[in-house]
Amino acid sequence: MSVDIDVSDQNWLAGVRASLNDDLTAQTARLRELTEMSADTGDPGEAHNRAALVAATRQNLERTTGALRRIAEGSYGRCEKCDAPIPAERLEILPHARFCMPCQRHHNG
């Protein structure tokens, strides 16, 4: 099934922006919560898990702020590598996508 979306459609873009802003707020709160946790149980596994959660949350924040930056710059929906349009289906699933699928596969090695 193909989703027909025009990434230059301002209404659609406003919805994406709102969704990304909501995600940014939630991820920021999550990061604050994780970094303020000071209960050291002495369990190295728990400390490792918390560190992994902090790293993943920071990565999500970077992806989200990057997508919001691309929206503001007018480059959202274009591949950062080849400048081809990123398919709407991909943006629906991964609104922070930076690359089209061929470039993503090449980027991942």
N, C-alpha and C. Protein backbone atom coordinates (compact mmCIF):
# COMPACT_ATOMS: atom_id res chain seq x y z
N MET A 1 0.84 -1.18 0.00
CA MET A 1 0.00 0.00 0.00
C MET A 1 0.88 1.24 0.00
N SER A 2 0.62 2.16 -0.87
CA SER A 2 1.40 3.38 -0.99
C SER A 2 0.67 4.54 -0.35
N VAL A 3 1.41 5.34 0.37
CA VAL A 3 0.85 6.52 1.01
C VAL A 3 1.22 7.71 0.16
N ASP A 4 0.23 8.46 -0.31
CA ASP A 4 0.50 9.60 -1.17
C ASP A 4 0.61 10.86 -0.32
N ILE A 5 1.84 11.27 -0.05
CA ILE A 5 2.10 12.43 0.78
C ILE A 5 3.06 13.34 0.05
N ASP A 6 2.74 14.59 0.04
CA ASP A 6 3.63 15.60 -0.53
C ASP A 6 4.36 16.26 0.63
N VAL A 7 5.69 16.04 0.74
CA VAL A 7 6.44 16.57 1.88
C VAL A 7 6.48 18.10 1.88
N SER A 8 6.06 18.73 0.79
CA SER A 8 5.99 20.19 0.80
C SER A 8 4.61 20.66 1.27
N ASP A 9 3.67 19.74 1.53
CA ASP A 9 2.34 20.07 2.05
C ASP A 9 2.50 20.63 3.46
N GLN A 10 2.18 21.90 3.63
CA GLN A 10 2.41 22.58 4.90
C GLN A 10 1.58 21.99 6.05
N ASN A 11 0.37 21.51 5.75
CA ASN A 11 -0.44 20.89 6.81
C ASN A 11 0.19 19.60 7.30
N TRP A 12 0.65 18.78 6.34
CA TRP A 12 1.31 17.53 6.72
C TRP A 12 2.59 17.82 7.49
N LEU A 13 3.36 18.78 7.00
CA LEU A 13 4.62 19.14 7.64
C LEU A 13 4.38 19.68 9.05
N ALA A 14 3.30 20.44 9.23
CA ALA A 14 2.97 20.96 10.57
C ALA A 14 2.66 19.81 11.51
N GLY A 15 1.98 18.78 11.01
CA GLY A 15 1.70 17.61 11.83
C GLY A 15 2.97 16.87 12.22
N VAL A 16 3.88 16.73 11.27
CA VAL A 16 5.16 16.08 11.55
C VAL A 16 5.92 16.89 12.58
N ARG A 17 5.96 18.20 12.39
CA ARG A 17 6.66 19.09 13.32
C ARG A 17 6.07 18.96 14.73
N ALA A 18 4.75 18.95 14.84
CA ALA A 18 4.10 18.83 16.15
C ALA A 18 4.44 17.48 16.79
N SER A 19 4.41 16.43 16.00
CA SER A 19 4.73 15.10 16.52
C SER A 19 6.18 15.04 16.99
N LEU A 20 7.08 15.61 16.21
CA LEU A 20 8.50 15.64 16.59
C LEU A 20 8.72 16.49 17.85
N ASN A 21 8.01 17.60 17.96
CA ASN A 21 8.12 18.43 19.16
C ASN A 21 7.62 17.68 20.39
N ASP A 22 6.52 16.94 20.23
CA ASP A 22 6.01 16.12 21.35
C ASP A 22 7.05 15.08 21.75
N ASP A 23 7.67 14.45 20.75
CA ASP A 23 8.69 13.45 21.03
C ASP A 23 9.90 14.09 21.71
N LEU A 24 10.27 15.28 21.26
CA LEU A 24 11.39 16.00 21.86
C LEU A 24 11.12 16.28 23.33
N THR A 25 9.92 16.72 23.65
CA THR A 25 9.54 16.99 25.04
C THR A 25 9.61 15.72 25.87
N ALA A 26 9.05 14.63 25.35
CA ALA A 26 9.05 13.36 26.09
C ALA A 26 10.47 12.83 26.29
N GLN A 27 11.29 12.89 25.25
CA GLN A 27 12.66 12.39 25.36
C GLN A 27 13.51 13.25 26.30
N THR A 28 13.27 14.55 26.29
CA THR A 28 13.99 15.44 27.21
C THR A 28 13.63 15.11 28.65
N ALA A 29 12.35 14.90 28.91
CA ALA A 29 11.91 14.53 30.26
C ALA A 29 12.52 13.18 30.66
N ARG A 30 12.54 12.25 29.72
CA ARG A 30 13.11 10.93 29.99
C ARG A 30 14.60 11.03 30.32
N LEU A 31 15.32 11.84 29.57
CA LEU A 31 16.75 12.01 29.83
C LEU A 31 16.97 12.64 31.20
N ARG A 32 16.17 13.65 31.51
CA ARG A 32 16.29 14.30 32.82
C ARG A 32 16.05 13.27 33.94
N GLU A 33 15.02 12.46 33.77
CA GLU A 33 14.70 11.44 34.75
C GLU A 33 15.84 10.44 34.91
N LEU A 34 16.39 10.00 33.80
CA LEU A 34 17.48 9.02 33.85
C LEU A 34 18.75 9.59 34.47
N THR A 35 19.05 10.84 34.17
CA THR A 35 20.29 11.42 34.69
C THR A 35 20.15 11.86 36.15
N GLU A 36 18.94 12.09 36.61
CA GLU A 36 18.74 12.49 38.00
C GLU A 36 18.63 11.29 38.94
N MET A 37 18.51 10.10 38.38
CA MET A 37 18.45 8.91 39.22
C MET A 37 19.80 8.72 39.88
N SER A 38 19.81 8.78 41.18
CA SER A 38 21.10 8.67 41.87
C SER A 38 21.15 7.44 42.77
N ALA A 39 20.12 6.63 42.74
CA ALA A 39 20.10 5.44 43.59
C ALA A 39 21.09 4.42 43.05
N ASP A 40 22.22 4.31 43.73
CA ASP A 40 23.23 3.33 43.34
C ASP A 40 22.98 2.06 44.12
N THR A 41 22.52 1.04 43.44
CA THR A 41 22.22 -0.23 44.10
C THR A 41 23.45 -1.10 44.23
N GLY A 42 24.54 -0.69 43.63
CA GLY A 42 25.75 -1.50 43.66
C GLY A 42 25.75 -2.59 42.60
N ASP A 43 24.69 -2.65 41.83
CA ASP A 43 24.58 -3.66 40.77
C ASP A 43 25.16 -3.08 39.49
N PRO A 44 26.32 -3.59 39.04
CA PRO A 44 26.93 -3.06 37.82
C PRO A 44 26.03 -3.23 36.60
N GLY A 45 25.21 -4.27 36.58
CA GLY A 45 24.30 -4.49 35.47
C GLY A 45 23.27 -3.38 35.38
N GLU A 46 22.77 -2.94 36.52
CA GLU A 46 21.78 -1.86 36.53
C GLU A 46 22.41 -0.55 36.06
N ALA A 47 23.63 -0.28 36.49
CA ALA A 47 24.33 0.93 36.05
C ALA A 47 24.58 0.87 34.54
N HIS A 48 24.92 -0.29 34.04
CA HIS A 48 25.16 -0.46 32.60
C HIS A 48 23.86 -0.23 31.83
N ASN A 49 22.76 -0.78 32.32
CA ASN A 49 21.46 -0.60 31.67
C ASN A 49 21.06 0.87 31.65
N ARG A 50 21.27 1.56 32.76
CA ARG A 50 20.94 2.98 32.82
C ARG A 50 21.79 3.78 31.84
N ALA A 51 23.07 3.45 31.76
CA ALA A 51 23.96 4.14 30.81
C ALA A 51 23.50 3.91 29.37
N ALA A 52 23.06 2.68 29.07
CA ALA A 52 22.57 2.38 27.73
C ALA A 52 21.29 3.15 27.44
N LEU A 53 20.40 3.27 28.41
CA LEU A 53 19.17 4.03 28.24
C LEU A 53 19.46 5.52 28.02
N VAL A 54 20.42 6.05 28.76
CA VAL A 54 20.80 7.45 28.59
C VAL A 54 21.36 7.66 27.18
N ALA A 55 22.23 6.77 26.72
CA ALA A 55 22.81 6.90 25.38
C ALA A 55 21.73 6.82 24.30
N ALA A 56 20.80 5.88 24.44
CA ALA A 56 19.73 5.73 23.46
C ALA A 56 18.82 6.96 23.45
N THR A 57 18.54 7.49 24.62
CA THR A 57 17.69 8.68 24.71
C THR A 57 18.38 9.88 24.08
N ARG A 58 19.66 10.02 24.33
CA ARG A 58 20.42 11.13 23.70
C ARG A 58 20.43 10.99 22.18
N GLN A 59 20.57 9.77 21.70
CA GLN A 59 20.56 9.54 20.25
C GLN A 59 19.18 9.90 19.67
N ASN A 60 18.12 9.52 20.36
CA ASN A 60 16.77 9.89 19.91
C ASN A 60 16.59 11.41 19.89
N LEU A 61 17.12 12.08 20.89
CA LEU A 61 17.04 13.55 20.92
C LEU A 61 17.78 14.16 19.74
N GLU A 62 18.96 13.63 19.42
CA GLU A 62 19.74 14.13 18.28
C GLU A 62 18.98 13.92 16.97
N ARG A 63 18.39 12.76 16.81
CA ARG A 63 17.62 12.48 15.59
C ARG A 63 16.42 13.41 15.47
N THR A 64 15.73 13.61 16.57
CA THR A 64 14.55 14.46 16.56
C THR A 64 14.90 15.91 16.29
N THR A 65 15.93 16.42 16.96
CA THR A 65 16.32 17.81 16.72
C THR A 65 16.85 17.98 15.30
N GLY A 66 17.51 16.95 14.77
CA GLY A 66 17.97 17.00 13.38
C GLY A 66 16.81 17.11 12.40
N ALA A 67 15.76 16.33 12.64
CA ALA A 67 14.58 16.38 11.77
C ALA A 67 13.91 17.75 11.87
N LEU A 68 13.80 18.29 13.08
CA LEU A 68 13.20 19.62 13.25
C LEU A 68 14.05 20.70 12.56
N ARG A 69 15.37 20.54 12.62
CA ARG A 69 16.26 21.48 11.93
C ARG A 69 16.05 21.42 10.43
N ARG A 70 15.95 20.19 9.89
CA ARG A 70 15.75 20.03 8.45
C ARG A 70 14.40 20.62 8.01
N ILE A 71 13.38 20.49 8.85
CA ILE A 71 12.09 21.11 8.53
C ILE A 71 12.26 22.62 8.47
N ALA A 72 12.94 23.19 9.47
CA ALA A 72 13.13 24.64 9.51
C ALA A 72 13.95 25.14 8.32
N GLU A 73 14.93 24.34 7.89
CA GLU A 73 15.79 24.73 6.77
C GLU A 73 15.14 24.47 5.41
N GLY A 74 14.08 23.68 5.40
CA GLY A 74 13.43 23.36 4.14
C GLY A 74 14.02 22.16 3.43
N SER A 75 14.88 21.40 4.10
CA SER A 75 15.50 20.24 3.46
C SER A 75 14.89 18.92 3.92
N TYR A 76 13.86 18.99 4.74
CA TYR A 76 13.22 17.77 5.24
C TYR A 76 12.64 16.97 4.07
N GLY A 77 12.84 15.66 4.12
CA GLY A 77 12.30 14.80 3.08
C GLY A 77 13.24 14.59 1.90
N ARG A 78 14.45 15.15 1.99
CA ARG A 78 15.47 14.96 0.95
C ARG A 78 16.64 14.18 1.56
N CYS A 79 17.18 13.27 0.80
CA CYS A 79 18.32 12.48 1.26
C CYS A 79 19.53 13.39 1.46
N GLU A 80 20.19 13.25 2.60
CA GLU A 80 21.38 14.06 2.88
C GLU A 80 22.57 13.68 2.02
N LYS A 81 22.54 12.50 1.45
CA LYS A 81 23.68 12.04 0.66
C LYS A 81 23.50 12.35 -0.83
N CYS A 82 22.35 11.97 -1.41
CA CYS A 82 22.16 12.12 -2.86
C CYS A 82 21.11 13.17 -3.23
N ASP A 83 20.47 13.75 -2.25
CA ASP A 83 19.45 14.79 -2.42
C ASP A 83 18.17 14.29 -3.11
N ALA A 84 18.01 12.98 -3.24
CA ALA A 84 16.78 12.42 -3.79
C ALA A 84 15.67 12.53 -2.75
N PRO A 85 14.42 12.57 -3.20
CA PRO A 85 13.33 12.59 -2.23
C PRO A 85 13.29 11.28 -1.45
N ILE A 86 13.05 11.40 -0.16
CA ILE A 86 12.85 10.21 0.68
C ILE A 86 11.39 9.84 0.55
N PRO A 87 11.09 8.58 0.22
CA PRO A 87 9.69 8.19 0.03
C PRO A 87 8.83 8.49 1.25
N ALA A 88 7.61 8.93 0.97
CA ALA A 88 6.69 9.30 2.04
C ALA A 88 6.44 8.14 3.00
N GLU A 89 6.41 6.92 2.47
CA GLU A 89 6.20 5.76 3.32
C GLU A 89 7.30 5.66 4.38
N ARG A 90 8.52 5.94 3.97
CA ARG A 90 9.66 5.89 4.91
C ARG A 90 9.52 6.99 5.96
N LEU A 91 9.13 8.18 5.54
CA LEU A 91 8.98 9.29 6.48
C LEU A 91 7.82 9.06 7.45
N GLU A 92 6.80 8.36 6.99
CA GLU A 92 5.69 8.04 7.88
C GLU A 92 6.16 7.12 9.01
N ILE A 93 7.02 6.18 8.68
CA ILE A 93 7.51 5.22 9.67
C ILE A 93 8.67 5.80 10.48
N LEU A 94 9.56 6.50 9.80
CA LEU A 94 10.75 7.08 10.43
C LEU A 94 10.81 8.58 10.13
N PRO A 95 10.09 9.39 10.86
CA PRO A 95 10.05 10.82 10.52
C PRO A 95 11.41 11.52 10.62
N HIS A 96 12.36 10.89 11.28
CA HIS A 96 13.70 11.49 11.39
C HIS A 96 14.67 10.93 10.34
N ALA A 97 14.16 10.19 9.35
CA ALA A 97 15.02 9.59 8.32
C ALA A 97 15.85 10.66 7.61
N ARG A 98 17.14 10.38 7.48
CA ARG A 98 18.06 11.32 6.83
C ARG A 98 18.43 10.88 5.42
N PHE A 99 18.26 9.60 5.13
CA PHE A 99 18.71 9.05 3.86
C PHE A 99 17.58 8.28 3.17
N CYS A 100 17.65 8.23 1.83
CA CYS A 100 16.77 7.32 1.08
C CYS A 100 17.28 5.90 1.36
N MET A 101 16.51 4.90 0.98
CA MET A 101 16.89 3.52 1.30
C MET A 101 18.22 3.09 0.67
N PRO A 102 18.48 3.38 -0.62
CA PRO A 102 19.79 2.97 -1.17
C PRO A 102 20.96 3.61 -0.42
N CYS A 103 20.85 4.88 -0.10
CA CYS A 103 21.93 5.55 0.64
C CYS A 103 22.02 5.05 2.08
N GLN A 104 20.89 4.71 2.68
CA GLN A 104 20.90 4.17 4.04
C GLN A 104 21.63 2.83 4.06
N ARG A 105 21.34 1.98 3.07
CA ARG A 105 22.04 0.69 2.99
C ARG A 105 23.54 0.90 2.82
N HIS A 106 23.92 1.84 1.99
CA HIS A 106 25.34 2.13 1.78
C HIS A 106 25.96 2.70 3.04
N HIS A 107 25.24 3.56 3.74
CA HIS A 107 25.72 4.19 4.97
C HIS A 107 25.94 3.14 6.07
N ASN A 108 25.06 2.14 6.13
CA ASN A 108 25.18 1.09 7.14
C ASN A 108 26.27 0.08 6.81
N GLY A 109 26.71 0.08 5.58
CA GLY A 109 27.80 -0.80 5.18
C GLY A 109 27.30 -2.11 4.81
